[in-house]
Amino acid sequence: MMRGPLRLAVVNDYEVVVAGLTRMLAPYAAQVRVVEIAANIPVSDHADLVLFDTFAQSMDNVSVEDVAPVGIPVVAYTWESEPDVWQRALDWGAVACLSKTLSAARLVAALESIHRGDTPDPGHTAAPTVDNASGGEGARDWPGRAEGLTERESEVMALLAVGHSNQEIAELLHVSINSVKTYLRHAYRKAEVNRRSQAVLWALDKGFSPDVLHRRVRGR
């Protein structure tokens, strides 16, 4: 049986994303306490569980050991719903894969279940897709949200900003190249740019360059 709240570390390349997730979980502090948020470097060893947010990340480019010390379970957190993508996450070393469509309450329930060593209830690992443009989970945040970008469009723009081609973005996000072009077209319109070079400059100006962040949450 757990003693006290589950101690959770949240890993993502972007501070705005992990901060938003932290706010989303704040009402459940009696059950789950975010003790660390990190970007680009592994968490320390005082967390019970690591939630690896795959925003603008690829498990092909990072190992589970890069994310957390040996012995601390890592849970992949993603928009992807295809079984083969989730299986890749498990093969990579994640102990479970959770959908970003989960409400905060279902996410907390799933994390508690995983920490106990149980298999999460199927109802806690997937949920109907929400309209990201409307902000679905009000506390979640990501680069470009204020300008109207959905989280998926933001992921695509983040990868574009660090120099990936459309084909590479498609492979990293496991979508078709036509989908990438559609996301970029929508993002360009919202950013009011017409060319790729303009989009890169806009993205960097809006904070799409990865943060170097690693800190414990005060008072934890």
N, C-alpha and C. Protein backbone atom coordinates (compact mmCIF):
# COMPACT_ATOMS: atom_id res chain seq x y z
N MET A 1 0.84 -1.20 0.00
CA MET A 1 0.00 0.00 0.00
C MET A 1 0.88 1.24 0.00
N MET A 2 0.50 2.26 -0.76
CA MET A 2 1.27 3.49 -0.83
C MET A 2 1.13 4.27 0.48
N ARG A 3 2.24 4.90 0.88
CA ARG A 3 2.21 5.80 2.02
C ARG A 3 2.35 7.22 1.49
N GLY A 4 1.30 8.00 1.62
CA GLY A 4 1.33 9.35 1.10
C GLY A 4 1.14 9.38 -0.41
N PRO A 5 1.15 10.58 -0.98
CA PRO A 5 0.92 10.71 -2.42
C PRO A 5 2.02 10.05 -3.24
N LEU A 6 1.65 9.58 -4.40
CA LEU A 6 2.62 9.07 -5.37
C LEU A 6 3.50 10.24 -5.81
N ARG A 7 4.81 10.04 -5.80
CA ARG A 7 5.75 11.10 -6.20
C ARG A 7 6.04 10.94 -7.69
N LEU A 8 5.63 11.93 -8.46
CA LEU A 8 5.70 11.86 -9.92
C LEU A 8 6.70 12.87 -10.48
N ALA A 9 7.54 12.41 -11.39
CA ALA A 9 8.40 13.30 -12.17
C ALA A 9 7.83 13.37 -13.58
N VAL A 10 7.78 14.57 -14.14
CA VAL A 10 7.24 14.79 -15.48
C VAL A 10 8.38 15.23 -16.39
N VAL A 11 8.55 14.53 -17.52
CA VAL A 11 9.65 14.82 -18.44
C VAL A 11 9.10 15.24 -19.79
N ASN A 12 9.58 16.36 -20.28
CA ASN A 12 9.23 16.87 -21.60
C ASN A 12 10.27 17.89 -22.01
N ASP A 13 10.42 18.13 -23.32
CA ASP A 13 11.40 19.10 -23.81
C ASP A 13 11.00 20.55 -23.54
N TYR A 14 9.73 20.79 -23.22
CA TYR A 14 9.23 22.16 -23.13
C TYR A 14 8.65 22.45 -21.76
N GLU A 15 9.18 23.49 -21.10
CA GLU A 15 8.74 23.84 -19.75
C GLU A 15 7.25 24.15 -19.73
N VAL A 16 6.75 24.83 -20.76
CA VAL A 16 5.34 25.21 -20.77
C VAL A 16 4.44 23.98 -20.75
N VAL A 17 4.89 22.87 -21.35
CA VAL A 17 4.09 21.65 -21.39
C VAL A 17 4.05 20.98 -20.02
N VAL A 18 5.23 20.83 -19.39
CA VAL A 18 5.25 20.17 -18.09
C VAL A 18 4.58 21.03 -17.03
N ALA A 19 4.69 22.34 -17.15
CA ALA A 19 4.03 23.23 -16.19
C ALA A 19 2.51 23.10 -16.31
N GLY A 20 2.02 22.99 -17.55
CA GLY A 20 0.59 22.83 -17.75
C GLY A 20 0.07 21.52 -17.18
N LEU A 21 0.84 20.45 -17.37
CA LEU A 21 0.44 19.16 -16.83
C LEU A 21 0.47 19.19 -15.31
N THR A 22 1.45 19.89 -14.76
CA THR A 22 1.53 20.03 -13.31
C THR A 22 0.29 20.72 -12.76
N ARG A 23 -0.16 21.78 -13.43
CA ARG A 23 -1.37 22.48 -12.99
C ARG A 23 -2.60 21.57 -13.11
N MET A 24 -2.64 20.76 -14.15
CA MET A 24 -3.77 19.86 -14.35
C MET A 24 -3.89 18.87 -13.20
N LEU A 25 -2.75 18.44 -12.65
CA LEU A 25 -2.76 17.45 -11.58
C LEU A 25 -2.88 18.07 -10.19
N ALA A 26 -2.75 19.39 -10.10
CA ALA A 26 -2.73 20.06 -8.80
C ALA A 26 -3.93 19.73 -7.91
N PRO A 27 -5.16 19.62 -8.44
CA PRO A 27 -6.30 19.31 -7.57
C PRO A 27 -6.22 17.91 -6.95
N TYR A 28 -5.32 17.09 -7.42
CA TYR A 28 -5.20 15.71 -6.94
C TYR A 28 -3.93 15.53 -6.11
N ALA A 29 -3.48 16.60 -5.45
CA ALA A 29 -2.21 16.57 -4.72
C ALA A 29 -2.21 15.54 -3.60
N ALA A 30 -3.37 15.18 -3.08
CA ALA A 30 -3.42 14.17 -2.02
C ALA A 30 -3.11 12.78 -2.56
N GLN A 31 -3.26 12.60 -3.88
CA GLN A 31 -3.00 11.30 -4.49
C GLN A 31 -1.70 11.27 -5.29
N VAL A 32 -1.45 12.33 -6.04
CA VAL A 32 -0.25 12.40 -6.88
C VAL A 32 0.40 13.75 -6.68
N ARG A 33 1.66 13.75 -6.34
CA ARG A 33 2.40 14.99 -6.13
C ARG A 33 3.54 15.08 -7.13
N VAL A 34 3.54 16.12 -7.94
CA VAL A 34 4.63 16.32 -8.90
C VAL A 34 5.83 16.85 -8.13
N VAL A 35 6.89 16.06 -8.06
CA VAL A 35 8.06 16.43 -7.27
C VAL A 35 9.20 16.93 -8.14
N GLU A 36 9.08 16.73 -9.45
CA GLU A 36 10.17 17.15 -10.32
C GLU A 36 9.66 17.33 -11.74
N ILE A 37 10.14 18.36 -12.40
CA ILE A 37 9.88 18.52 -13.82
C ILE A 37 11.22 18.67 -14.51
N ALA A 38 11.37 18.03 -15.66
CA ALA A 38 12.69 17.97 -16.29
C ALA A 38 12.57 18.04 -17.79
N ALA A 39 13.61 18.58 -18.41
CA ALA A 39 13.70 18.63 -19.86
C ALA A 39 15.14 18.34 -20.27
N ASN A 40 15.28 17.40 -21.19
CA ASN A 40 16.56 17.11 -21.83
C ASN A 40 17.58 16.38 -20.96
N ILE A 41 17.34 16.22 -19.68
CA ILE A 41 18.25 15.48 -18.83
C ILE A 41 17.43 14.58 -17.91
N PRO A 42 18.02 13.47 -17.42
CA PRO A 42 17.23 12.51 -16.63
C PRO A 42 16.84 13.07 -15.27
N VAL A 43 15.76 12.54 -14.73
CA VAL A 43 15.33 12.94 -13.40
C VAL A 43 16.24 12.28 -12.37
N SER A 44 16.16 12.78 -11.14
CA SER A 44 16.93 12.18 -10.06
C SER A 44 16.17 10.98 -9.52
N ASP A 45 16.61 10.47 -8.37
CA ASP A 45 16.10 9.18 -7.93
C ASP A 45 15.05 9.27 -6.82
N HIS A 46 14.45 10.44 -6.61
CA HIS A 46 13.49 10.56 -5.52
C HIS A 46 12.04 10.44 -5.97
N ALA A 47 11.81 10.16 -7.25
CA ALA A 47 10.44 9.99 -7.75
C ALA A 47 10.05 8.52 -7.71
N ASP A 48 8.76 8.26 -7.54
CA ASP A 48 8.24 6.89 -7.59
C ASP A 48 7.96 6.45 -9.02
N LEU A 49 7.63 7.42 -9.87
CA LEU A 49 7.19 7.13 -11.24
C LEU A 49 7.56 8.32 -12.12
N VAL A 50 7.90 8.03 -13.38
CA VAL A 50 8.21 9.10 -14.33
C VAL A 50 7.17 9.07 -15.44
N LEU A 51 6.56 10.22 -15.71
CA LEU A 51 5.63 10.36 -16.82
C LEU A 51 6.38 11.04 -17.96
N PHE A 52 6.65 10.27 -19.01
CA PHE A 52 7.44 10.77 -20.14
C PHE A 52 6.48 11.26 -21.21
N ASP A 53 6.31 12.58 -21.28
CA ASP A 53 5.44 13.20 -22.27
C ASP A 53 6.16 13.23 -23.60
N THR A 54 5.61 12.56 -24.59
CA THR A 54 6.31 12.40 -25.87
C THR A 54 6.12 13.58 -26.81
N PHE A 55 5.69 14.72 -26.30
CA PHE A 55 5.55 15.93 -27.11
C PHE A 55 6.88 16.25 -27.78
N ALA A 56 6.89 16.29 -29.13
CA ALA A 56 8.09 16.65 -29.90
C ALA A 56 9.28 15.78 -29.55
N GLN A 57 9.05 14.58 -29.09
CA GLN A 57 10.12 13.66 -28.75
C GLN A 57 9.96 12.40 -29.59
N SER A 58 11.03 11.67 -29.72
CA SER A 58 10.97 10.38 -30.39
C SER A 58 11.72 9.36 -29.55
N MET A 59 11.08 8.23 -29.30
CA MET A 59 11.75 7.20 -28.54
C MET A 59 12.89 6.57 -29.33
N ASP A 60 12.96 6.89 -30.64
CA ASP A 60 14.08 6.41 -31.44
C ASP A 60 15.36 7.15 -31.09
N ASN A 61 15.23 8.35 -30.51
CA ASN A 61 16.38 9.20 -30.26
C ASN A 61 16.78 9.29 -28.80
N VAL A 62 16.05 8.61 -27.93
CA VAL A 62 16.36 8.65 -26.51
C VAL A 62 16.06 7.27 -25.92
N SER A 63 16.86 6.84 -24.97
CA SER A 63 16.64 5.55 -24.32
C SER A 63 15.93 5.77 -23.00
N VAL A 64 15.35 4.71 -22.48
CA VAL A 64 14.65 4.85 -21.20
C VAL A 64 15.64 5.22 -20.11
N GLU A 65 16.91 4.79 -20.24
CA GLU A 65 17.93 5.15 -19.26
C GLU A 65 18.27 6.63 -19.31
N ASP A 66 18.04 7.25 -20.48
CA ASP A 66 18.26 8.69 -20.59
C ASP A 66 17.19 9.49 -19.85
N VAL A 67 16.06 8.86 -19.63
CA VAL A 67 14.92 9.54 -19.04
C VAL A 67 14.92 9.43 -17.52
N ALA A 68 15.26 8.25 -17.00
CA ALA A 68 15.16 8.03 -15.56
C ALA A 68 16.20 7.02 -15.10
N PRO A 69 16.62 7.11 -13.83
CA PRO A 69 17.55 6.13 -13.29
C PRO A 69 16.95 4.72 -13.32
N VAL A 70 17.80 3.73 -13.40
CA VAL A 70 17.35 2.34 -13.39
C VAL A 70 16.55 2.08 -12.12
N GLY A 71 15.42 1.43 -12.28
CA GLY A 71 14.59 1.10 -11.13
C GLY A 71 13.38 1.99 -10.96
N ILE A 72 13.36 3.15 -11.62
CA ILE A 72 12.19 4.03 -11.55
C ILE A 72 11.35 3.80 -12.80
N PRO A 73 10.13 3.31 -12.67
CA PRO A 73 9.30 3.01 -13.84
C PRO A 73 8.99 4.26 -14.65
N VAL A 74 9.00 4.10 -15.97
CA VAL A 74 8.70 5.20 -16.89
C VAL A 74 7.39 4.88 -17.62
N VAL A 75 6.48 5.83 -17.64
CA VAL A 75 5.20 5.69 -18.33
C VAL A 75 5.18 6.65 -19.51
N ALA A 76 4.94 6.14 -20.72
CA ALA A 76 4.85 6.99 -21.91
C ALA A 76 3.48 7.67 -21.93
N TYR A 77 3.47 8.95 -22.30
CA TYR A 77 2.25 9.76 -22.31
C TYR A 77 2.13 10.38 -23.70
N THR A 78 1.13 9.96 -24.47
CA THR A 78 1.13 10.29 -25.90
C THR A 78 -0.27 10.47 -26.45
N TRP A 79 -0.36 11.16 -27.60
CA TRP A 79 -1.61 11.26 -28.34
C TRP A 79 -1.87 10.01 -29.17
N GLU A 80 -0.83 9.22 -29.44
CA GLU A 80 -0.98 8.07 -30.32
C GLU A 80 -1.92 7.03 -29.71
N SER A 81 -2.73 6.40 -30.54
CA SER A 81 -3.67 5.39 -30.05
C SER A 81 -3.52 4.05 -30.75
N GLU A 82 -2.62 3.99 -31.74
CA GLU A 82 -2.44 2.74 -32.48
C GLU A 82 -1.74 1.70 -31.60
N PRO A 83 -2.24 0.46 -31.57
CA PRO A 83 -1.63 -0.59 -30.74
C PRO A 83 -0.15 -0.81 -31.02
N ASP A 84 0.27 -0.71 -32.29
CA ASP A 84 1.67 -0.96 -32.59
C ASP A 84 2.57 0.14 -32.03
N VAL A 85 2.05 1.37 -31.96
CA VAL A 85 2.83 2.47 -31.38
C VAL A 85 2.98 2.25 -29.87
N TRP A 86 1.90 1.83 -29.23
CA TRP A 86 1.97 1.55 -27.80
C TRP A 86 2.90 0.38 -27.52
N GLN A 87 2.90 -0.63 -28.40
CA GLN A 87 3.79 -1.76 -28.22
C GLN A 87 5.25 -1.32 -28.35
N ARG A 88 5.52 -0.39 -29.26
CA ARG A 88 6.87 0.15 -29.40
C ARG A 88 7.31 0.83 -28.10
N ALA A 89 6.39 1.52 -27.45
CA ALA A 89 6.71 2.18 -26.18
C ALA A 89 7.07 1.15 -25.12
N LEU A 90 6.34 0.04 -25.10
CA LEU A 90 6.64 -1.02 -24.14
C LEU A 90 7.97 -1.69 -24.46
N ASP A 91 8.22 -1.93 -25.74
CA ASP A 91 9.49 -2.52 -26.15
C ASP A 91 10.66 -1.59 -25.82
N TRP A 92 10.41 -0.29 -25.90
CA TRP A 92 11.42 0.72 -25.59
C TRP A 92 11.82 0.68 -24.12
N GLY A 93 10.89 0.25 -23.27
CA GLY A 93 11.18 0.16 -21.84
C GLY A 93 10.16 0.79 -20.93
N ALA A 94 9.12 1.40 -21.50
CA ALA A 94 8.05 1.96 -20.67
C ALA A 94 7.26 0.82 -20.03
N VAL A 95 6.81 1.03 -18.82
CA VAL A 95 6.01 0.00 -18.15
C VAL A 95 4.55 0.08 -18.57
N ALA A 96 4.16 1.22 -19.14
CA ALA A 96 2.78 1.40 -19.60
C ALA A 96 2.75 2.61 -20.53
N CYS A 97 1.63 2.73 -21.24
CA CYS A 97 1.44 3.85 -22.15
C CYS A 97 0.06 4.44 -21.89
N LEU A 98 -0.01 5.74 -21.65
CA LEU A 98 -1.27 6.39 -21.34
C LEU A 98 -1.60 7.45 -22.39
N SER A 99 -2.87 7.59 -22.67
CA SER A 99 -3.34 8.53 -23.68
C SER A 99 -3.50 9.93 -23.11
N LYS A 100 -3.13 10.93 -23.91
CA LYS A 100 -3.31 12.32 -23.50
C LYS A 100 -4.77 12.75 -23.54
N THR A 101 -5.64 11.91 -24.06
CA THR A 101 -7.07 12.24 -24.04
C THR A 101 -7.70 11.97 -22.68
N LEU A 102 -6.96 11.37 -21.75
CA LEU A 102 -7.51 11.08 -20.43
C LEU A 102 -7.80 12.37 -19.67
N SER A 103 -8.88 12.35 -18.92
CA SER A 103 -9.14 13.45 -17.99
C SER A 103 -8.11 13.36 -16.86
N ALA A 104 -7.99 14.42 -16.09
CA ALA A 104 -7.04 14.41 -14.98
C ALA A 104 -7.37 13.28 -14.00
N ALA A 105 -8.65 13.09 -13.71
CA ALA A 105 -9.05 12.05 -12.75
C ALA A 105 -8.65 10.66 -13.25
N ARG A 106 -8.87 10.39 -14.53
CA ARG A 106 -8.52 9.08 -15.08
C ARG A 106 -7.01 8.90 -15.15
N LEU A 107 -6.30 9.98 -15.45
CA LEU A 107 -4.84 9.90 -15.48
C LEU A 107 -4.30 9.56 -14.10
N VAL A 108 -4.82 10.20 -13.07
CA VAL A 108 -4.39 9.92 -11.70
C VAL A 108 -4.69 8.47 -11.33
N ALA A 109 -5.89 8.00 -11.66
CA ALA A 109 -6.26 6.62 -11.36
C ALA A 109 -5.32 5.64 -12.05
N ALA A 110 -4.98 5.92 -13.30
CA ALA A 110 -4.08 5.03 -14.04
C ALA A 110 -2.68 5.04 -13.44
N LEU A 111 -2.18 6.21 -13.07
CA LEU A 111 -0.85 6.30 -12.46
C LEU A 111 -0.80 5.54 -11.14
N GLU A 112 -1.85 5.67 -10.34
CA GLU A 112 -1.89 4.94 -9.07
C GLU A 112 -1.90 3.44 -9.32
N SER A 113 -2.66 3.00 -10.30
CA SER A 113 -2.74 1.58 -10.63
C SER A 113 -1.38 1.05 -11.07
N ILE A 114 -0.70 1.81 -11.93
CA ILE A 114 0.63 1.40 -12.41
C ILE A 114 1.61 1.33 -11.25
N HIS A 115 1.56 2.31 -10.36
CA HIS A 115 2.48 2.33 -9.22
C HIS A 115 2.27 1.14 -8.30
N ARG A 116 1.02 0.69 -8.20
CA ARG A 116 0.73 -0.50 -7.38
C ARG A 116 1.21 -1.78 -8.04
N GLY A 117 1.55 -1.69 -9.32
CA GLY A 117 1.97 -2.88 -10.05
C GLY A 117 0.84 -3.55 -10.78
N ASP A 118 -0.32 -2.90 -10.82
CA ASP A 118 -1.47 -3.45 -11.52
C ASP A 118 -1.48 -3.01 -12.98
N THR A 119 -2.27 -3.70 -13.78
CA THR A 119 -2.52 -3.26 -15.16
C THR A 119 -3.65 -2.26 -15.13
N PRO A 120 -3.44 -1.06 -15.67
CA PRO A 120 -4.50 -0.05 -15.61
C PRO A 120 -5.78 -0.53 -16.27
N ASP A 121 -6.91 -0.13 -15.70
CA ASP A 121 -8.21 -0.42 -16.31
C ASP A 121 -8.23 0.18 -17.72
N PRO A 122 -8.73 -0.58 -18.71
CA PRO A 122 -8.78 -0.05 -20.08
C PRO A 122 -9.46 1.31 -20.17
N GLY A 123 -10.43 1.55 -19.30
CA GLY A 123 -11.10 2.84 -19.30
C GLY A 123 -10.23 3.97 -18.82
N HIS A 124 -9.08 3.62 -18.21
CA HIS A 124 -8.17 4.63 -17.71
C HIS A 124 -7.00 4.87 -18.65
N THR A 125 -6.93 4.11 -19.72
CA THR A 125 -5.80 4.28 -20.63
C THR A 125 -6.20 4.92 -21.94
N ALA A 126 -7.47 5.04 -22.19
CA ALA A 126 -7.92 5.67 -23.43
C ALA A 126 -9.26 6.34 -23.19
N ALA A 127 -9.52 7.34 -23.98
CA ALA A 127 -10.79 8.06 -23.86
C ALA A 127 -11.11 8.67 -25.20
N PRO A 128 -12.35 9.06 -25.43
CA PRO A 128 -12.68 9.69 -26.71
C PRO A 128 -11.79 10.89 -26.97
N THR A 129 -11.42 11.08 -28.22
CA THR A 129 -10.56 12.20 -28.59
C THR A 129 -11.27 13.51 -28.30
N VAL A 130 -10.52 14.46 -27.72
CA VAL A 130 -11.09 15.78 -27.45
C VAL A 130 -10.62 16.74 -28.51
N ASP A 131 -11.29 17.87 -28.61
CA ASP A 131 -10.92 18.91 -29.57
C ASP A 131 -9.82 19.75 -28.96
N ASN A 132 -8.60 19.50 -29.38
CA ASN A 132 -7.46 20.19 -28.80
C ASN A 132 -7.51 21.68 -29.07
N ALA A 133 -8.12 22.09 -30.16
CA ALA A 133 -8.15 23.52 -30.47
C ALA A 133 -8.91 24.30 -29.41
N SER A 134 -9.85 23.62 -28.76
CA SER A 134 -10.62 24.29 -27.73
C SER A 134 -9.98 24.15 -26.37
N GLY A 135 -8.88 23.43 -26.31
CA GLY A 135 -8.14 23.35 -25.06
C GLY A 135 -8.52 22.19 -24.20
N GLY A 136 -9.43 21.30 -24.62
CA GLY A 136 -9.82 20.10 -23.91
C GLY A 136 -9.56 20.15 -22.42
N GLU A 137 -8.30 19.85 -22.01
CA GLU A 137 -7.91 19.96 -20.62
C GLU A 137 -7.47 21.40 -20.41
N GLY A 138 -8.26 22.18 -19.69
CA GLY A 138 -7.99 23.59 -19.58
C GLY A 138 -6.62 23.94 -19.02
N ALA A 139 -6.04 23.09 -18.15
CA ALA A 139 -4.78 23.44 -17.51
C ALA A 139 -3.58 23.04 -18.34
N ARG A 140 -3.78 22.21 -19.36
CA ARG A 140 -2.65 21.78 -20.17
C ARG A 140 -2.19 22.94 -21.05
N ASP A 141 -0.90 22.99 -21.33
CA ASP A 141 -0.39 24.09 -22.14
C ASP A 141 0.69 23.57 -23.06
N TRP A 142 0.99 24.33 -24.12
CA TRP A 142 2.03 23.95 -25.07
C TRP A 142 2.42 25.18 -25.88
N PRO A 143 3.60 25.18 -26.49
CA PRO A 143 4.01 26.33 -27.29
C PRO A 143 3.03 26.59 -28.43
N GLY A 144 2.65 27.85 -28.62
CA GLY A 144 1.75 28.22 -29.70
C GLY A 144 0.28 28.11 -29.37
N ARG A 145 -0.05 27.64 -28.18
CA ARG A 145 -1.47 27.50 -27.84
C ARG A 145 -2.18 28.84 -27.87
N ALA A 146 -1.51 29.89 -27.37
CA ALA A 146 -2.13 31.21 -27.34
C ALA A 146 -2.47 31.73 -28.73
N GLU A 147 -1.74 31.24 -29.73
CA GLU A 147 -1.98 31.66 -31.12
C GLU A 147 -2.99 30.77 -31.82
N GLY A 148 -3.52 29.77 -31.10
CA GLY A 148 -4.56 28.91 -31.66
C GLY A 148 -4.09 27.57 -32.17
N LEU A 149 -2.80 27.24 -32.03
CA LEU A 149 -2.31 25.95 -32.50
C LEU A 149 -2.82 24.84 -31.59
N THR A 150 -3.23 23.73 -32.20
CA THR A 150 -3.54 22.54 -31.42
C THR A 150 -2.22 21.93 -30.95
N GLU A 151 -2.30 21.00 -30.01
CA GLU A 151 -1.06 20.39 -29.51
C GLU A 151 -0.35 19.62 -30.62
N ARG A 152 -1.10 18.98 -31.49
CA ARG A 152 -0.49 18.23 -32.59
C ARG A 152 0.20 19.18 -33.57
N GLU A 153 -0.46 20.29 -33.90
CA GLU A 153 0.18 21.29 -34.77
C GLU A 153 1.43 21.84 -34.12
N SER A 154 1.39 22.00 -32.81
CA SER A 154 2.54 22.50 -32.08
C SER A 154 3.69 21.50 -32.13
N GLU A 155 3.38 20.21 -32.02
CA GLU A 155 4.41 19.18 -32.13
C GLU A 155 5.11 19.27 -33.48
N VAL A 156 4.31 19.41 -34.53
CA VAL A 156 4.86 19.48 -35.88
C VAL A 156 5.74 20.72 -36.03
N MET A 157 5.28 21.85 -35.54
CA MET A 157 6.06 23.08 -35.64
C MET A 157 7.35 23.00 -34.82
N ALA A 158 7.29 22.31 -33.69
CA ALA A 158 8.48 22.14 -32.86
C ALA A 158 9.55 21.35 -33.60
N LEU A 159 9.12 20.30 -34.29
CA LEU A 159 10.07 19.48 -35.05
C LEU A 159 10.60 20.25 -36.25
N LEU A 160 9.74 21.03 -36.89
CA LEU A 160 10.18 21.87 -38.00
C LEU A 160 11.22 22.88 -37.52
N ALA A 161 11.00 23.45 -36.34
CA ALA A 161 11.89 24.49 -35.82
C ALA A 161 13.30 24.00 -35.55
N VAL A 162 13.44 22.69 -35.27
CA VAL A 162 14.79 22.16 -35.01
C VAL A 162 15.39 21.52 -36.26
N GLY A 163 14.75 21.73 -37.43
CA GLY A 163 15.38 21.36 -38.69
C GLY A 163 14.93 20.08 -39.35
N HIS A 164 13.87 19.45 -38.85
CA HIS A 164 13.42 18.20 -39.47
C HIS A 164 12.65 18.49 -40.76
N SER A 165 12.82 17.61 -41.74
CA SER A 165 12.06 17.70 -42.99
C SER A 165 10.65 17.17 -42.75
N ASN A 166 9.76 17.40 -43.71
CA ASN A 166 8.39 16.88 -43.59
C ASN A 166 8.39 15.36 -43.46
N GLN A 167 9.24 14.70 -44.22
CA GLN A 167 9.30 13.24 -44.17
C GLN A 167 9.77 12.77 -42.80
N GLU A 168 10.77 13.45 -42.25
CA GLU A 168 11.27 13.07 -40.92
C GLU A 168 10.21 13.31 -39.86
N ILE A 169 9.48 14.40 -39.98
CA ILE A 169 8.41 14.68 -39.02
C ILE A 169 7.34 13.59 -39.09
N ALA A 170 6.99 13.18 -40.30
CA ALA A 170 6.00 12.12 -40.47
C ALA A 170 6.46 10.83 -39.80
N GLU A 171 7.73 10.50 -39.96
CA GLU A 171 8.26 9.27 -39.37
C GLU A 171 8.32 9.36 -37.85
N LEU A 172 8.72 10.52 -37.33
CA LEU A 172 8.82 10.69 -35.88
C LEU A 172 7.46 10.63 -35.20
N LEU A 173 6.44 11.16 -35.86
CA LEU A 173 5.10 11.21 -35.27
C LEU A 173 4.20 10.08 -35.73
N HIS A 174 4.73 9.22 -36.62
CA HIS A 174 3.98 8.06 -37.10
C HIS A 174 2.67 8.47 -37.77
N VAL A 175 2.78 9.49 -38.64
CA VAL A 175 1.63 9.93 -39.43
C VAL A 175 2.08 10.01 -40.89
N SER A 176 1.14 10.20 -41.79
CA SER A 176 1.49 10.31 -43.21
C SER A 176 2.07 11.69 -43.49
N ILE A 177 2.84 11.78 -44.58
CA ILE A 177 3.41 13.07 -44.95
C ILE A 177 2.31 14.05 -45.33
N ASN A 178 1.20 13.55 -45.87
CA ASN A 178 0.08 14.43 -46.18
C ASN A 178 -0.52 15.04 -44.91
N SER A 179 -0.54 14.25 -43.83
CA SER A 179 -1.03 14.78 -42.55
C SER A 179 -0.11 15.88 -42.05
N VAL A 180 1.20 15.67 -42.20
CA VAL A 180 2.16 16.69 -41.79
C VAL A 180 1.92 17.98 -42.56
N LYS A 181 1.72 17.86 -43.87
CA LYS A 181 1.48 19.05 -44.69
C LYS A 181 0.19 19.77 -44.26
N THR A 182 -0.81 18.99 -43.89
CA THR A 182 -2.06 19.59 -43.43
C THR A 182 -1.85 20.34 -42.12
N TYR A 183 -1.15 19.70 -41.17
CA TYR A 183 -0.86 20.36 -39.90
C TYR A 183 -0.08 21.65 -40.12
N LEU A 184 0.91 21.59 -41.01
CA LEU A 184 1.72 22.78 -41.27
C LEU A 184 0.90 23.88 -41.94
N ARG A 185 0.03 23.49 -42.85
CA ARG A 185 -0.80 24.49 -43.52
C ARG A 185 -1.68 25.23 -42.51
N HIS A 186 -2.28 24.48 -41.60
CA HIS A 186 -3.10 25.10 -40.57
C HIS A 186 -2.26 25.97 -39.64
N ALA A 187 -1.09 25.45 -39.28
CA ALA A 187 -0.22 26.21 -38.37
C ALA A 187 0.28 27.49 -39.02
N TYR A 188 0.66 27.40 -40.30
CA TYR A 188 1.12 28.59 -41.02
C TYR A 188 0.03 29.67 -41.02
N ARG A 189 -1.20 29.24 -41.26
CA ARG A 189 -2.30 30.21 -41.31
C ARG A 189 -2.47 30.91 -39.96
N LYS A 190 -2.40 30.13 -38.90
CA LYS A 190 -2.57 30.70 -37.56
C LYS A 190 -1.39 31.59 -37.17
N ALA A 191 -0.21 31.22 -37.66
CA ALA A 191 0.99 32.01 -37.37
C ALA A 191 1.14 33.19 -38.31
N GLU A 192 0.31 33.22 -39.35
CA GLU A 192 0.35 34.28 -40.35
C GLU A 192 1.70 34.33 -41.06
N VAL A 193 2.19 33.16 -41.46
CA VAL A 193 3.42 33.06 -42.24
C VAL A 193 3.13 32.29 -43.52
N ASN A 194 4.01 32.45 -44.51
CA ASN A 194 3.80 31.79 -45.80
C ASN A 194 4.91 30.82 -46.17
N ARG A 195 6.10 31.00 -45.61
CA ARG A 195 7.24 30.18 -46.00
C ARG A 195 7.83 29.45 -44.80
N ARG A 196 8.54 28.38 -45.10
CA ARG A 196 9.13 27.56 -44.05
C ARG A 196 10.11 28.37 -43.20
N SER A 197 10.93 29.20 -43.86
CA SER A 197 11.90 30.00 -43.12
C SER A 197 11.20 30.96 -42.15
N GLN A 198 10.07 31.51 -42.59
CA GLN A 198 9.30 32.39 -41.71
C GLN A 198 8.71 31.60 -40.54
N ALA A 199 8.27 30.38 -40.84
CA ALA A 199 7.68 29.53 -39.79
C ALA A 199 8.71 29.18 -38.73
N VAL A 200 9.94 28.89 -39.16
CA VAL A 200 11.00 28.56 -38.21
C VAL A 200 11.28 29.75 -37.30
N LEU A 201 11.41 30.94 -37.87
CA LEU A 201 11.66 32.13 -37.08
C LEU A 201 10.51 32.41 -36.11
N TRP A 202 9.28 32.23 -36.60
CA TRP A 202 8.11 32.43 -35.75
C TRP A 202 8.13 31.44 -34.59
N ALA A 203 8.41 30.18 -34.88
CA ALA A 203 8.41 29.14 -33.85
C ALA A 203 9.46 29.42 -32.79
N LEU A 204 10.64 29.79 -33.20
CA LEU A 204 11.70 30.08 -32.24
C LEU A 204 11.34 31.29 -31.39
N ASP A 205 10.72 32.27 -31.99
CA ASP A 205 10.31 33.47 -31.26
C ASP A 205 9.23 33.16 -30.23
N LYS A 206 8.41 32.14 -30.51
CA LYS A 206 7.31 31.78 -29.61
C LYS A 206 7.71 30.72 -28.59
N GLY A 207 9.00 30.40 -28.52
CA GLY A 207 9.45 29.48 -27.48
C GLY A 207 9.45 28.02 -27.86
N PHE A 208 9.55 27.71 -29.14
CA PHE A 208 9.56 26.32 -29.57
C PHE A 208 10.93 25.66 -29.45
N SER A 209 11.97 26.42 -29.13
CA SER A 209 13.27 25.79 -28.92
C SER A 209 13.23 25.08 -27.57
N PRO A 210 13.74 23.83 -27.49
CA PRO A 210 13.64 23.06 -26.25
C PRO A 210 14.27 23.80 -25.07
N ASP A 211 13.63 23.70 -23.91
CA ASP A 211 14.17 24.28 -22.69
C ASP A 211 15.21 23.34 -22.10
N VAL A 212 16.14 23.89 -21.35
CA VAL A 212 17.03 23.08 -20.52
C VAL A 212 16.55 23.30 -19.10
N LEU A 213 15.80 22.36 -18.62
CA LEU A 213 15.09 22.54 -17.36
C LEU A 213 15.23 21.29 -16.52
N HIS A 214 15.54 21.48 -15.26
CA HIS A 214 15.58 20.34 -14.35
C HIS A 214 15.47 20.89 -12.94
N ARG A 215 14.35 20.71 -12.31
CA ARG A 215 14.24 21.23 -10.96
C ARG A 215 13.24 20.41 -10.16
N ARG A 216 13.45 20.43 -8.86
CA ARG A 216 12.46 19.86 -7.97
C ARG A 216 11.41 20.92 -7.71
N VAL A 217 10.20 20.48 -7.49
CA VAL A 217 9.11 21.41 -7.21
C VAL A 217 9.21 21.85 -5.76
N ARG A 218 9.17 23.14 -5.54
CA ARG A 218 9.37 23.70 -4.20
C ARG A 218 8.41 23.10 -3.19
N GLY A 219 8.98 22.74 -2.04
CA GLY A 219 8.16 22.24 -0.95
C GLY A 219 7.84 20.77 -1.03
N ARG A 220 8.46 20.05 -2.01
CA ARG A 220 8.15 18.62 -2.16
C ARG A 220 9.26 17.77 -1.57
